Amino acid sequence: MGVRSVSASILAILSCASALAQNYPGAGRTSIRGSVRNTQTHQALYRVIVDVEADSGGNAAQVITDSTGKFDVEGLDAAVYLVRVRFPGYDEVVERVDLTVASSNYLDIQLKPKPGSNPPATAPEGPSAALNARLAGIPDKARKEFDRGRECLDKGENPQSCAEHFDKAIKQYPKFADAYTMEATAYLQQNNVDGAKTALQQAIRIDPKMPEAWLISGMLQNREKDYPTAEKSLTECLALDQGLPQAHYELSRTYMAMGNVAEAEPHALKAAQLQPSMAPVHIILGNIALKKNDGLGALNEFQEYLKLDPKGPMAQSAQAMIDKIKSVTNAKP
């Protein structure tokens, strides 16, 4: 905890105390390191989700094991933590670590495959890989309701019915951050902004390291034209996962609304690179090109939008811009 104002003499005392504390177990900043292996084969497990939860409640950190099965969480406060390890096909393991009596702790975690399963040593790749890994540690009843809610949204059914599934999942497992995030999505489809905000606040309180919650928060804040807050939310999202094209797109929208073209452009380009089929980002890139007096570049971007989404909500505006650029170009001697 920081101190806003102290006298020079107190600062000197604190400096001495800090030097002494370096040799005192549990004082200052601490860390948890360890490895995760298959209890039967002793094989290192790669891309395993490791959650560090404060014993008093709330997530303190989340990391993923490397190719050797190792993980490292640094910069923790001296406190008691629960280290929760989840991996598809294995039983969940929870270790209690008391960092008030030791400044660091090493955990040798052995995960036991569930009966009848032959799980891989590496978590699956892809956009849903992190979600699937998080869901591995969720109780079955809660996970089933969550899956019903997702299926409900995917099918475009009544968002209120979808939200009810997520609510049931949360009642089964109150720490279900993903359910709160998806519930917020269902609420937004009903234009229930207050409900969405409450759900997102709960999701971030439970798991501040989940990028999806920050992403949806940023999208909502953009919608409300609260651009400074949206910038903070989306920057936090990308600090947790640089590979989310929607987050880059939303942040480019934020910067364009704030008149910061220089900051908007790299995020728009990254979104287009990560998801070539994303049509709306080409409207932003077209507008950026116009700001740079690059008529040909703008023309190409608006044409690309129509190619990807010829009947999209911005198709008429894109065509109007194409016609205008062509008329101006043809009028030049």
C-alpha atoms as a PDB file:
ATOM      1  CA  MET A   1       0.000   0.000   0.000  1.00  0.00           C
ATOM      2  CA  GLY A   2       1.398   3.395  -0.921  1.00  0.00           C
ATOM      3  CA  VAL A   3       1.731   6.335   1.452  1.00  0.00           C
ATOM      4  CA  ARG A   4       0.859   9.706  -0.031  1.00  0.00           C
ATOM      5  CA  SER A   5       2.812  12.003   2.255  1.00  0.00           C
ATOM      6  CA  VAL A   6       5.453  11.309   4.871  1.00  0.00           C
ATOM      7  CA  SER A   7       8.196  13.369   6.488  1.00  0.00           C
ATOM      8  CA  ALA A   8      11.871  12.928   5.638  1.00  0.00           C
ATOM      9  CA  SER A   9      12.563  11.268   8.992  1.00  0.00           C
ATOM     10  CA  ILE A  10       9.806   8.707   8.509  1.00  0.00           C
ATOM     11  CA  LEU A  11      11.093   8.007   5.003  1.00  0.00           C
ATOM     12  CA  ALA A  12      14.528   7.279   6.442  1.00  0.00           C
ATOM     13  CA  ILE A  13      13.024   4.867   8.975  1.00  0.00           C
ATOM     14  CA  LEU A  14      11.023   3.145   6.256  1.00  0.00           C
ATOM     15  CA  SER A  15      14.156   2.803   4.136  1.00  0.00           C
ATOM     16  CA  CYS A  16      15.991   1.044   6.979  1.00  0.00           C
ATOM     17  CA  ALA A  17      12.996  -1.156   7.664  1.00  0.00           C
ATOM     18  CA  SER A  18      12.836  -2.111   4.001  1.00  0.00           C
ATOM     19  CA  ALA A  19      16.484  -3.183   4.024  1.00  0.00           C
ATOM     20  CA  LEU A  20      15.933  -5.322   7.128  1.00  0.00           C
ATOM     21  CA  ALA A  21      12.770  -6.835   5.665  1.00  0.00           C
ATOM     22  CA  GLN A  22      14.696  -8.359   2.756  1.00  0.00           C
ATOM     23  CA  ASN A  23      15.931 -11.070   5.124  1.00  0.00           C
ATOM     24  CA  TYR A  24      12.624 -11.571   6.905  1.00  0.00           C
ATOM     25  CA  PRO A  25      10.461 -14.447   5.593  1.00  0.00           C
ATOM     26  CA  GLY A  26       7.080 -13.310   4.334  1.00  0.00           C
ATOM     27  CA  ALA A  27       7.935  -9.597   4.312  1.00  0.00           C
ATOM     28  CA  GLY A  28       7.481  -7.477   1.188  1.00  0.00           C
ATOM     29  CA  ARG A  29       6.738  -9.062  -2.190  1.00  0.00           C
ATOM     30  CA  THR A  30       6.571 -12.829  -2.595  1.00  0.00           C
ATOM     31  CA  SER A  31       6.296 -15.487  -5.283  1.00  0.00           C
ATOM     32  CA  ILE A  32       4.945 -18.935  -6.068  1.00  0.00           C
ATOM     33  CA  ARG A  33       6.736 -21.199  -8.515  1.00  0.00           C
ATOM     34  CA  GLY A  34       6.164 -24.777  -9.472  1.00  0.00           C
ATOM     35  CA  SER A  35       5.665 -27.467 -12.085  1.00  0.00           C
ATOM     36  CA  VAL A  36       2.674 -29.498 -13.247  1.00  0.00           C
ATOM     37  CA  ARG A  37       2.989 -33.131 -14.334  1.00  0.00           C
ATOM     38  CA  ASN A  38       0.878 -36.186 -15.070  1.00  0.00           C
ATOM     39  CA  THR A  39       0.849 -38.263 -11.875  1.00  0.00           C
ATOM     40  CA  GLN A  40       0.954 -41.519 -13.870  1.00  0.00           C
ATOM     41  CA  THR A  41       3.451 -40.759 -16.650  1.00  0.00           C
ATOM     42  CA  HIS A  42       5.283 -37.878 -14.907  1.00  0.00           C
ATOM     43  CA  GLN A  43       5.091 -36.030 -18.228  1.00  0.00           C
ATOM     44  CA  ALA A  44       5.149 -32.230 -18.080  1.00  0.00           C
ATOM     45  CA  LEU A  45       1.764 -30.662 -18.878  1.00  0.00           C
ATOM     46  CA  TYR A  46       1.836 -27.655 -21.213  1.00  0.00           C
ATOM     47  CA  ARG A  47      -0.617 -24.694 -21.263  1.00  0.00           C
ATOM     48  CA  VAL A  48      -2.259 -25.605 -17.958  1.00  0.00           C
ATOM     49  CA  ILE A  49      -4.281 -22.836 -16.301  1.00  0.00           C
ATOM     50  CA  VAL A  50      -2.956 -22.011 -12.810  1.00  0.00           C
ATOM     51  CA  ASP A  51      -5.168 -19.699 -10.754  1.00  0.00           C
ATOM     52  CA  VAL A  52      -3.869 -18.054  -7.590  1.00  0.00           C
ATOM     53  CA  GLU A  53      -6.745 -17.016  -5.347  1.00  0.00           C
ATOM     54  CA  ALA A  54      -6.516 -14.989  -2.174  1.00  0.00           C
ATOM     55  CA  ASP A  55      -7.731 -17.036   0.783  1.00  0.00           C
ATOM     56  CA  SER A  56      -9.940 -14.086   1.681  1.00  0.00           C
ATOM     57  CA  GLY A  57     -11.549 -14.214  -1.775  1.00  0.00           C
ATOM     58  CA  GLY A  58     -10.857 -13.033  -5.325  1.00  0.00           C
ATOM     59  CA  ASN A  59      -8.269 -13.988  -7.942  1.00  0.00           C
ATOM     60  CA  ALA A  60      -4.769 -12.633  -7.386  1.00  0.00           C
ATOM     61  CA  ALA A  61      -3.154 -13.976 -10.563  1.00  0.00           C
ATOM     62  CA  GLN A  62      -3.533 -16.404 -13.432  1.00  0.00           C
ATOM     63  CA  VAL A  63      -0.682 -17.968 -15.408  1.00  0.00           C
ATOM     64  CA  ILE A  64      -0.208 -20.808 -17.899  1.00  0.00           C
ATOM     65  CA  THR A  65       2.495 -23.477 -17.685  1.00  0.00           C
ATOM     66  CA  ASP A  66       5.282 -23.415 -20.261  1.00  0.00           C
ATOM     67  CA  SER A  67       6.502 -26.299 -22.462  1.00  0.00           C
ATOM     68  CA  THR A  68       8.368 -27.814 -19.491  1.00  0.00           C
ATOM     69  CA  GLY A  69       5.254 -27.710 -17.295  1.00  0.00           C
ATOM     70  CA  LYS A  70       6.609 -24.886 -15.122  1.00  0.00           C
ATOM     71  CA  PHE A  71       4.896 -21.729 -13.921  1.00  0.00           C
ATOM     72  CA  ASP A  72       5.993 -18.624 -12.038  1.00  0.00           C
ATOM     73  CA  VAL A  73       3.836 -16.059 -10.214  1.00  0.00           C
ATOM     74  CA  GLU A  74       5.759 -13.097  -8.850  1.00  0.00           C
ATOM     75  CA  GLY A  75       4.929  -9.860  -7.061  1.00  0.00           C
ATOM     76  CA  LEU A  76       2.350 -11.256  -4.647  1.00  0.00           C
ATOM     77  CA  ASP A  77       1.633  -9.686  -1.283  1.00  0.00           C
ATOM     78  CA  ALA A  78       2.525 -11.672   1.842  1.00  0.00           C
ATOM     79  CA  ALA A  79      -0.760 -13.508   2.435  1.00  0.00           C
ATOM     80  CA  VAL A  80      -2.420 -16.915   2.283  1.00  0.00           C
ATOM     81  CA  TYR A  81      -3.356 -18.174  -1.180  1.00  0.00           C
ATOM     82  CA  LEU A  82      -5.142 -21.079  -2.814  1.00  0.00           C
ATOM     83  CA  VAL A  83      -3.413 -22.328  -5.959  1.00  0.00           C
ATOM     84  CA  ARG A  84      -6.007 -23.970  -8.198  1.00  0.00           C
ATOM     85  CA  VAL A  85      -4.807 -26.076 -11.150  1.00  0.00           C
ATOM     86  CA  ARG A  86      -7.252 -27.132 -13.866  1.00  0.00           C
ATOM     87  CA  PHE A  87      -6.734 -29.135 -17.039  1.00  0.00           C
ATOM     88  CA  PRO A  88      -9.220 -30.977 -19.298  1.00  0.00           C
ATOM     89  CA  GLY A  89      -9.320 -34.714 -18.523  1.00  0.00           C
ATOM     90  CA  TYR A  90      -7.664 -34.392 -15.100  1.00  0.00           C
ATOM     91  CA  ASP A  91      -8.952 -33.982 -11.566  1.00  0.00           C
ATOM     92  CA  GLU A  92      -8.583 -30.461 -10.206  1.00  0.00           C
ATOM     93  CA  VAL A  93      -5.871 -29.861  -7.608  1.00  0.00           C
ATOM     94  CA  VAL A  94      -5.962 -27.101  -4.984  1.00  0.00           C
ATOM     95  CA  GLU A  95      -2.906 -26.284  -2.864  1.00  0.00           C
ATOM     96  CA  ARG A  96      -2.872 -23.885   0.098  1.00  0.00           C
ATOM     97  CA  VAL A  97       0.206 -21.659   0.277  1.00  0.00           C
ATOM     98  CA  ASP A  98       1.012 -19.441   3.242  1.00  0.00           C
ATOM     99  CA  LEU A  99       3.365 -16.678   2.111  1.00  0.00           C
ATOM    100  CA  THR A 100       3.285 -14.900   5.445  1.00  0.00           C
ATOM    101  CA  VAL A 101       5.878 -17.344   6.792  1.00  0.00           C
ATOM    102  CA  ALA A 102       8.026 -17.787   3.668  1.00  0.00           C
ATOM    103  CA  SER A 103       8.815 -15.296   0.932  1.00  0.00           C
ATOM    104  CA  SER A 104       8.521 -17.934  -1.802  1.00  0.00           C
ATOM    105  CA  ASN A 105       7.118 -21.399  -2.305  1.00  0.00           C
ATOM    106  CA  TYR A 106       7.693 -24.147  -4.876  1.00  0.00           C
ATOM    107  CA  LEU A 107       4.852 -26.547  -5.710  1.00  0.00           C
ATOM    108  CA  ASP A 108       5.307 -29.930  -7.349  1.00  0.00           C
ATOM    109  CA  ILE A 109       1.788 -30.528  -8.637  1.00  0.00           C
ATOM    110  CA  GLN A 110       0.779 -33.945  -9.944  1.00  0.00           C
ATOM    111  CA  LEU A 111      -2.501 -34.090 -11.874  1.00  0.00           C
ATOM    112  CA  LYS A 112      -4.381 -37.389 -11.926  1.00  0.00           C
ATOM    113  CA  PRO A 113      -6.228 -38.325 -15.162  1.00  0.00           C
ATOM    114  CA  LYS A 114      -9.951 -38.849 -14.672  1.00  0.00           C
ATOM    115  CA  PRO A 115     -11.120 -42.488 -14.825  1.00  0.00           C
ATOM    116  CA  GLY A 116     -11.530 -43.722 -18.383  1.00  0.00           C
ATOM    117  CA  SER A 117      -9.859 -40.697 -19.949  1.00  0.00           C
ATOM    118  CA  ASN A 118      -6.650 -40.447 -21.928  1.00  0.00           C
ATOM    119  CA  PRO A 119      -6.020 -36.694 -21.833  1.00  0.00           C
ATOM    120  CA  PRO A 120      -3.268 -35.011 -23.889  1.00  0.00           C
ATOM    121  CA  ALA A 121      -0.205 -33.381 -22.400  1.00  0.00           C
ATOM    122  CA  THR A 122      -0.966 -30.111 -24.190  1.00  0.00           C
ATOM    123  CA  ALA A 123      -4.114 -28.011 -24.026  1.00  0.00           C
ATOM    124  CA  PRO A 124      -5.802 -27.479 -27.407  1.00  0.00           C
ATOM    125  CA  GLU A 125      -4.955 -24.357 -29.414  1.00  0.00           C
ATOM    126  CA  GLY A 126      -7.509 -21.967 -30.827  1.00  0.00           C
ATOM    127  CA  PRO A 127      -9.761 -19.116 -29.626  1.00  0.00           C
ATOM    128  CA  SER A 128     -11.645 -21.326 -27.150  1.00  0.00           C
ATOM    129  CA  ALA A 129      -8.566 -23.028 -25.692  1.00  0.00           C
ATOM    130  CA  ALA A 130      -8.286 -20.756 -22.645  1.00  0.00           C
ATOM    131  CA  LEU A 131     -12.032 -20.953 -22.009  1.00  0.00           C
ATOM    132  CA  ASN A 132     -12.026 -24.744 -22.254  1.00  0.00           C
ATOM    133  CA  ALA A 133      -9.133 -24.914 -19.815  1.00  0.00           C
ATOM    134  CA  ARG A 134     -10.973 -22.672 -17.353  1.00  0.00           C
ATOM    135  CA  LEU A 135     -14.149 -24.741 -17.675  1.00  0.00           C
ATOM    136  CA  ALA A 136     -12.249 -27.902 -16.784  1.00  0.00           C
ATOM    137  CA  GLY A 137     -12.393 -27.007 -13.102  1.00  0.00           C
ATOM    138  CA  ILE A 138     -16.079 -26.013 -13.030  1.00  0.00           C
ATOM    139  CA  PRO A 139     -18.607 -28.386 -11.367  1.00  0.00           C
ATOM    140  CA  ASP A 140     -20.619 -30.418 -13.881  1.00  0.00           C
ATOM    141  CA  LYS A 141     -24.044 -28.920 -13.101  1.00  0.00           C
ATOM    142  CA  ALA A 142     -22.772 -25.370 -13.460  1.00  0.00           C
ATOM    143  CA  ARG A 143     -20.897 -26.176 -16.649  1.00  0.00           C
ATOM    144  CA  LYS A 144     -23.957 -27.806 -18.236  1.00  0.00           C
ATOM    145  CA  GLU A 145     -26.078 -24.722 -17.564  1.00  0.00           C
ATOM    146  CA  PHE A 146     -23.288 -22.564 -18.974  1.00  0.00           C
ATOM    147  CA  ASP A 147     -23.183 -24.687 -22.148  1.00  0.00           C
ATOM    148  CA  ARG A 148     -26.971 -24.409 -22.493  1.00  0.00           C
ATOM    149  CA  GLY A 149     -26.690 -20.644 -22.222  1.00  0.00           C
ATOM    150  CA  ARG A 150     -23.970 -20.471 -24.867  1.00  0.00           C
ATOM    151  CA  GLU A 151     -25.975 -22.692 -27.202  1.00  0.00           C
ATOM    152  CA  CYS A 152     -28.996 -20.456 -26.603  1.00  0.00           C
ATOM    153  CA  LEU A 153     -27.024 -17.365 -27.647  1.00  0.00           C
ATOM    154  CA  ASP A 154     -25.464 -19.139 -30.653  1.00  0.00           C
ATOM    155  CA  LYS A 155     -28.932 -20.066 -31.918  1.00  0.00           C
ATOM    156  CA  GLY A 156     -30.177 -16.501 -31.504  1.00  0.00           C
ATOM    157  CA  GLU A 157     -32.879 -17.484 -29.044  1.00  0.00           C
ATOM    158  CA  ASN A 158     -34.556 -15.195 -26.515  1.00  0.00           C
ATOM    159  CA  PRO A 159     -31.632 -13.542 -24.667  1.00  0.00           C
ATOM    160  CA  GLN A 160     -33.647 -13.512 -21.429  1.00  0.00           C
ATOM    161  CA  SER A 161     -33.855 -17.318 -21.581  1.00  0.00           C
ATOM    162  CA  CYS A 162     -30.112 -17.463 -22.249  1.00  0.00           C
ATOM    163  CA  ALA A 163     -29.416 -15.217 -19.263  1.00  0.00           C
ATOM    164  CA  GLU A 164     -31.469 -17.537 -17.053  1.00  0.00           C
ATOM    165  CA  HIS A 165     -29.158 -20.448 -17.895  1.00  0.00           C
ATOM    166  CA  PHE A 166     -26.116 -18.403 -16.906  1.00  0.00           C
ATOM    167  CA  ASP A 167     -27.873 -17.335 -13.707  1.00  0.00           C
ATOM    168  CA  LYS A 168     -28.485 -20.994 -12.839  1.00  0.00           C
ATOM    169  CA  ALA A 169     -24.815 -21.757 -13.526  1.00  0.00           C
ATOM    170  CA  ILE A 170     -23.780 -18.958 -11.150  1.00  0.00           C
ATOM    171  CA  LYS A 171     -26.083 -20.274  -8.429  1.00  0.00           C
ATOM    172  CA  GLN A 172     -24.412 -23.670  -8.777  1.00  0.00           C
ATOM    173  CA  TYR A 173     -20.938 -22.105  -8.705  1.00  0.00           C
ATOM    174  CA  PRO A 174     -20.832 -18.480  -7.410  1.00  0.00           C
ATOM    175  CA  LYS A 175     -17.218 -17.960  -8.558  1.00  0.00           C
ATOM    176  CA  PHE A 176     -18.130 -18.668 -12.207  1.00  0.00           C
ATOM    177  CA  ALA A 177     -16.591 -15.593 -13.846  1.00  0.00           C
ATOM    178  CA  ASP A 178     -17.202 -16.845 -17.391  1.00  0.00           C
ATOM    179  CA  ALA A 179     -20.915 -17.261 -16.645  1.00  0.00           C
ATOM    180  CA  TYR A 180     -21.115 -13.665 -15.409  1.00  0.00           C
ATOM    181  CA  THR A 181     -19.379 -12.492 -18.602  1.00  0.00           C
ATOM    182  CA  MET A 182     -21.744 -14.412 -20.877  1.00  0.00           C
ATOM    183  CA  GLU A 183     -24.704 -13.253 -18.804  1.00  0.00           C
ATOM    184  CA  ALA A 184     -23.571  -9.680 -19.492  1.00  0.00           C
ATOM    185  CA  THR A 185     -23.590 -10.474 -23.214  1.00  0.00           C
ATOM    186  CA  ALA A 186     -27.171 -11.737 -22.943  1.00  0.00           C
ATOM    187  CA  TYR A 187     -28.175  -8.628 -21.011  1.00  0.00           C
ATOM    188  CA  LEU A 188     -26.674  -6.361 -23.671  1.00  0.00           C
ATOM    189  CA  GLN A 189     -28.784  -8.107 -26.296  1.00  0.00           C
ATOM    190  CA  GLN A 190     -31.803  -7.026 -24.226  1.00  0.00           C
ATOM    191  CA  ASN A 191     -30.372  -3.494 -23.853  1.00  0.00           C
ATOM    192  CA  ASN A 192     -30.217  -4.141 -20.111  1.00  0.00           C
ATOM    193  CA  VAL A 193     -27.142  -1.986 -19.571  1.00  0.00           C
ATOM    194  CA  ASP A 194     -27.360  -1.921 -15.769  1.00  0.00           C
ATOM    195  CA  GLY A 195     -27.616  -5.723 -15.616  1.00  0.00           C
ATOM    196  CA  ALA A 196     -24.646  -6.069 -17.942  1.00  0.00           C
ATOM    197  CA  LYS A 197     -22.522  -3.672 -15.885  1.00  0.00           C
ATOM    198  CA  THR A 198     -23.300  -5.525 -12.653  1.00  0.00           C
ATOM    199  CA  ALA A 199     -22.458  -8.897 -14.217  1.00  0.00           C
ATOM    200  CA  LEU A 200     -19.173  -7.585 -15.635  1.00  0.00           C
ATOM    201  CA  GLN A 201     -18.180  -6.072 -12.307  1.00  0.00           C
ATOM    202  CA  GLN A 202     -18.736  -9.466 -10.660  1.00  0.00           C
ATOM    203  CA  ALA A 203     -16.739 -11.247 -13.384  1.00  0.00           C
ATOM    204  CA  ILE A 204     -13.764  -8.903 -12.990  1.00  0.00           C
ATOM    205  CA  ARG A 205     -13.950  -9.081  -9.192  1.00  0.00           C
ATOM    206  CA  ILE A 206     -13.773 -12.880  -9.333  1.00  0.00           C
ATOM    207  CA  ASP A 207     -11.175 -13.111 -12.105  1.00  0.00           C
ATOM    208  CA  PRO A 208      -9.429  -9.841 -13.024  1.00  0.00           C
ATOM    209  CA  LYS A 209      -7.150 -11.799 -15.365  1.00  0.00           C
ATOM    210  CA  MET A 210      -9.942 -12.840 -17.753  1.00  0.00           C
ATOM    211  CA  PRO A 211      -9.587 -10.760 -20.956  1.00  0.00           C
ATOM    212  CA  GLU A 212     -13.132 -11.421 -22.184  1.00  0.00           C
ATOM    213  CA  ALA A 213     -14.685  -9.506 -19.285  1.00  0.00           C
ATOM    214  CA  TRP A 214     -12.481  -6.482 -19.986  1.00  0.00           C
ATOM    215  CA  LEU A 215     -13.309  -6.716 -23.703  1.00  0.00           C
ATOM    216  CA  ILE A 216     -17.068  -6.655 -23.197  1.00  0.00           C
ATOM    217  CA  SER A 217     -16.669  -3.846 -20.658  1.00  0.00           C
ATOM    218  CA  GLY A 218     -14.769  -1.836 -23.274  1.00  0.00           C
ATOM    219  CA  MET A 219     -17.410  -2.534 -25.910  1.00  0.00           C
ATOM    220  CA  LEU A 220     -20.136  -1.330 -23.551  1.00  0.00           C
ATOM    221  CA  GLN A 221     -18.153   1.786 -22.643  1.00  0.00           C
ATOM    222  CA  ASN A 222     -17.618   2.562 -26.334  1.00  0.00           C
ATOM    223  CA  ARG A 223     -21.353   2.244 -26.840  1.00  0.00           C
ATOM    224  CA  GLU A 224     -21.927   4.724 -24.028  1.00  0.00           C
ATOM    225  CA  LYS A 225     -19.252   7.047 -25.481  1.00  0.00           C
ATOM    226  CA  ASP A 226     -17.201   6.779 -22.297  1.00  0.00           C
ATOM    227  CA  TYR A 227     -14.013   6.606 -24.332  1.00  0.00           C
ATOM    228  CA  PRO A 228     -11.377   7.227 -21.627  1.00  0.00           C
ATOM    229  CA  THR A 229     -12.773   4.343 -19.561  1.00  0.00           C
ATOM    230  CA  ALA A 230     -13.102   2.175 -22.671  1.00  0.00           C
ATOM    231  CA  GLU A 231      -9.432   2.816 -23.425  1.00  0.00           C
ATOM    232  CA  LYS A 232      -8.460   1.577 -19.964  1.00  0.00           C
ATOM    233  CA  SER A 233     -10.630  -1.549 -20.193  1.00  0.00           C
ATOM    234  CA  LEU A 234      -9.456  -2.511 -23.686  1.00  0.00           C
ATOM    235  CA  THR A 235      -5.812  -1.812 -22.870  1.00  0.00           C
ATOM    236  CA  GLU A 236      -6.165  -4.112 -19.858  1.00  0.00           C
ATOM    237  CA  CYS A 237      -7.753  -6.748 -22.093  1.00  0.00           C
ATOM    238  CA  LEU A 238      -4.886  -6.632 -24.583  1.00  0.00           C
ATOM    239  CA  ALA A 239      -2.302  -6.713 -21.798  1.00  0.00           C
ATOM    240  CA  LEU A 240      -3.792 -10.111 -20.901  1.00  0.00           C
ATOM    241  CA  ASP A 241      -4.193 -11.371 -24.486  1.00  0.00           C
ATOM    242  CA  GLN A 242      -2.692  -9.605 -27.504  1.00  0.00           C
ATOM    243  CA  GLY A 243      -4.318 -12.083 -29.877  1.00  0.00           C
ATOM    244  CA  LEU A 244      -7.922 -10.883 -29.632  1.00  0.00           C
ATOM    245  CA  PRO A 245      -8.904  -9.200 -32.929  1.00  0.00           C
ATOM    246  CA  GLN A 246     -12.152  -7.802 -31.497  1.00  0.00           C
ATOM    247  CA  ALA A 247     -10.215  -6.036 -28.734  1.00  0.00           C
ATOM    248  CA  HIS A 248      -7.866  -4.404 -31.247  1.00  0.00           C
ATOM    249  CA  TYR A 249     -10.872  -3.355 -33.346  1.00  0.00           C
ATOM    250  CA  GLU A 250     -12.719  -1.873 -30.373  1.00  0.00           C
ATOM    251  CA  LEU A 251      -9.624   0.009 -29.206  1.00  0.00           C
ATOM    252  CA  SER A 252      -9.146   1.422 -32.711  1.00  0.00           C
ATOM    253  CA  ARG A 253     -12.763   2.657 -32.535  1.00  0.00           C
ATOM    254  CA  THR A 254     -12.026   4.230 -29.163  1.00  0.00           C
ATOM    255  CA  TYR A 255      -8.991   6.104 -30.450  1.00  0.00           C
ATOM    256  CA  MET A 256     -10.808   7.266 -33.586  1.00  0.00           C
ATOM    257  CA  ALA A 257     -13.619   8.663 -31.422  1.00  0.00           C
ATOM    258  CA  MET A 258     -10.990  10.462 -29.339  1.00  0.00           C
ATOM    259  CA  GLY A 259      -9.400  11.892 -32.494  1.00  0.00           C
ATOM    260  CA  ASN A 260      -6.188   9.905 -32.016  1.00  0.00           C
ATOM    261  CA  VAL A 261      -5.598   8.495 -35.505  1.00  0.00           C
ATOM    262  CA  ALA A 262      -1.960   7.596 -34.822  1.00  0.00           C
ATOM    263  CA  GLU A 263      -2.981   5.254 -31.981  1.00  0.00           C
ATOM    264  CA  ALA A 264      -5.995   3.876 -33.859  1.00  0.00           C
ATOM    265  CA  GLU A 265      -4.167   2.732 -36.980  1.00  0.00           C
ATOM    266  CA  PRO A 266      -1.887  -0.005 -35.555  1.00  0.00           C
ATOM    267  CA  HIS A 267      -4.807  -1.597 -33.679  1.00  0.00           C
ATOM    268  CA  ALA A 268      -7.015  -1.548 -36.770  1.00  0.00           C
ATOM    269  CA  LEU A 269      -4.234  -3.115 -38.832  1.00  0.00           C
ATOM    270  CA  LYS A 270      -3.680  -5.772 -36.171  1.00  0.00           C
ATOM    271  CA  ALA A 271      -7.388  -6.614 -36.085  1.00  0.00           C
ATOM    272  CA  ALA A 272      -7.432  -7.052 -39.871  1.00  0.00           C
ATOM    273  CA  GLN A 273      -4.326  -9.218 -39.695  1.00  0.00           C
ATOM    274  CA  LEU A 274      -5.686 -11.450 -36.939  1.00  0.00           C
ATOM    275  CA  GLN A 275      -9.128 -11.792 -38.509  1.00  0.00           C
ATOM    276  CA  PRO A 276      -9.064 -11.181 -42.278  1.00  0.00           C
ATOM    277  CA  SER A 277     -12.829 -11.762 -42.493  1.00  0.00           C
ATOM    278  CA  MET A 278     -13.614  -8.848 -40.142  1.00  0.00           C
ATOM    279  CA  ALA A 279     -15.448  -6.379 -42.358  1.00  0.00           C
ATOM    280  CA  PRO A 280     -16.063  -3.330 -40.072  1.00  0.00           C
ATOM    281  CA  VAL A 281     -12.371  -2.753 -39.428  1.00  0.00           C
ATOM    282  CA  HIS A 282     -11.970  -1.780 -43.097  1.00  0.00           C
ATOM    283  CA  ILE A 283     -14.343   1.141 -42.552  1.00  0.00           C
ATOM    284  CA  ILE A 284     -11.991   2.379 -39.841  1.00  0.00           C
ATOM    285  CA  LEU A 285      -8.948   1.808 -42.060  1.00  0.00           C
ATOM    286  CA  GLY A 286     -10.716   3.668 -44.870  1.00  0.00           C
ATOM    287  CA  ASN A 287     -11.418   6.626 -42.606  1.00  0.00           C
ATOM    288  CA  ILE A 288      -7.813   6.592 -41.401  1.00  0.00           C
ATOM    289  CA  ALA A 289      -6.637   6.676 -45.031  1.00  0.00           C
ATOM    290  CA  LEU A 290      -8.880   9.677 -45.692  1.00  0.00           C
ATOM    291  CA  LYS A 291      -7.373  11.456 -42.674  1.00  0.00           C
ATOM    292  CA  LYS A 292      -3.953  10.854 -44.274  1.00  0.00           C
ATOM    293  CA  ASN A 293      -5.171  12.170 -47.660  1.00  0.00           C
ATOM    294  CA  ASP A 294      -4.691   8.703 -49.145  1.00  0.00           C
ATOM    295  CA  GLY A 295      -7.696   8.502 -51.463  1.00  0.00           C
ATOM    296  CA  LEU A 296      -6.594   5.309 -53.198  1.00  0.00           C
ATOM    297  CA  GLY A 297      -5.971   3.587 -49.861  1.00  0.00           C
ATOM    298  CA  ALA A 298      -9.412   4.623 -48.622  1.00  0.00           C
ATOM    299  CA  LEU A 299     -11.014   3.387 -51.832  1.00  0.00           C
ATOM    300  CA  ASN A 300      -9.384  -0.021 -51.420  1.00  0.00           C
ATOM    301  CA  GLU A 301     -10.516  -0.306 -47.789  1.00  0.00           C
ATOM    302  CA  PHE A 302     -14.155   0.611 -48.509  1.00  0.00           C
ATOM    303  CA  GLN A 303     -14.195  -1.825 -51.422  1.00  0.00           C
ATOM    304  CA  GLU A 304     -12.798  -4.527 -49.154  1.00  0.00           C
ATOM    305  CA  TYR A 305     -15.629  -3.921 -46.700  1.00  0.00           C
ATOM    306  CA  LEU A 306     -18.229  -4.418 -49.454  1.00  0.00           C
ATOM    307  CA  LYS A 307     -16.437  -7.532 -50.619  1.00  0.00           C
ATOM    308  CA  LEU A 308     -16.596  -9.044 -47.130  1.00  0.00           C
ATOM    309  CA  ASP A 309     -20.078  -7.825 -46.179  1.00  0.00           C
ATOM    310  CA  PRO A 310     -21.988  -6.548 -49.233  1.00  0.00           C
ATOM    311  CA  LYS A 311     -25.267  -6.294 -47.314  1.00  0.00           C
ATOM    312  CA  GLY A 312     -23.774  -5.128 -44.025  1.00  0.00           C
ATOM    313  CA  PRO A 313     -25.068  -2.195 -41.938  1.00  0.00           C
ATOM    314  CA  MET A 314     -22.385   0.121 -43.355  1.00  0.00           C
ATOM    315  CA  ALA A 315     -22.653  -1.062 -46.983  1.00  0.00           C
ATOM    316  CA  GLN A 316     -24.620   1.967 -48.151  1.00  0.00           C
ATOM    317  CA  SER A 317     -22.199   4.412 -46.521  1.00  0.00           C
ATOM    318  CA  ALA A 318     -19.196   2.530 -47.914  1.00  0.00           C
ATOM    319  CA  GLN A 319     -20.628   2.642 -51.436  1.00  0.00           C
ATOM    320  CA  ALA A 320     -21.338   6.351 -51.091  1.00  0.00           C
ATOM    321  CA  MET A 321     -17.705   6.964 -50.083  1.00  0.00           C
ATOM    322  CA  ILE A 322     -16.465   4.858 -53.008  1.00  0.00           C
ATOM    323  CA  ASP A 323     -18.585   6.877 -55.440  1.00  0.00           C
ATOM    324  CA  LYS A 324     -17.393  10.155 -53.937  1.00  0.00           C
ATOM    325  CA  ILE A 325     -13.712   9.177 -54.079  1.00  0.00           C
ATOM    326  CA  LYS A 326     -14.059   8.041 -57.690  1.00  0.00           C
ATOM    327  CA  SER A 327     -15.835  11.252 -58.682  1.00  0.00           C
ATOM    328  CA  VAL A 328     -13.122  13.372 -57.084  1.00  0.00           C
ATOM    329  CA  THR A 329     -10.381  11.283 -58.696  1.00  0.00           C
ATOM    330  CA  ASN A 330     -11.998  11.458 -62.129  1.00  0.00           C
ATOM    331  CA  ALA A 331     -12.470  15.212 -61.806  1.00  0.00           C
ATOM    332  CA  LYS A 332      -8.739  15.804 -61.366  1.00  0.00           C
ATOM    333  CA  PRO A 333      -6.885  16.933 -64.536  1.00  0.00           C
END
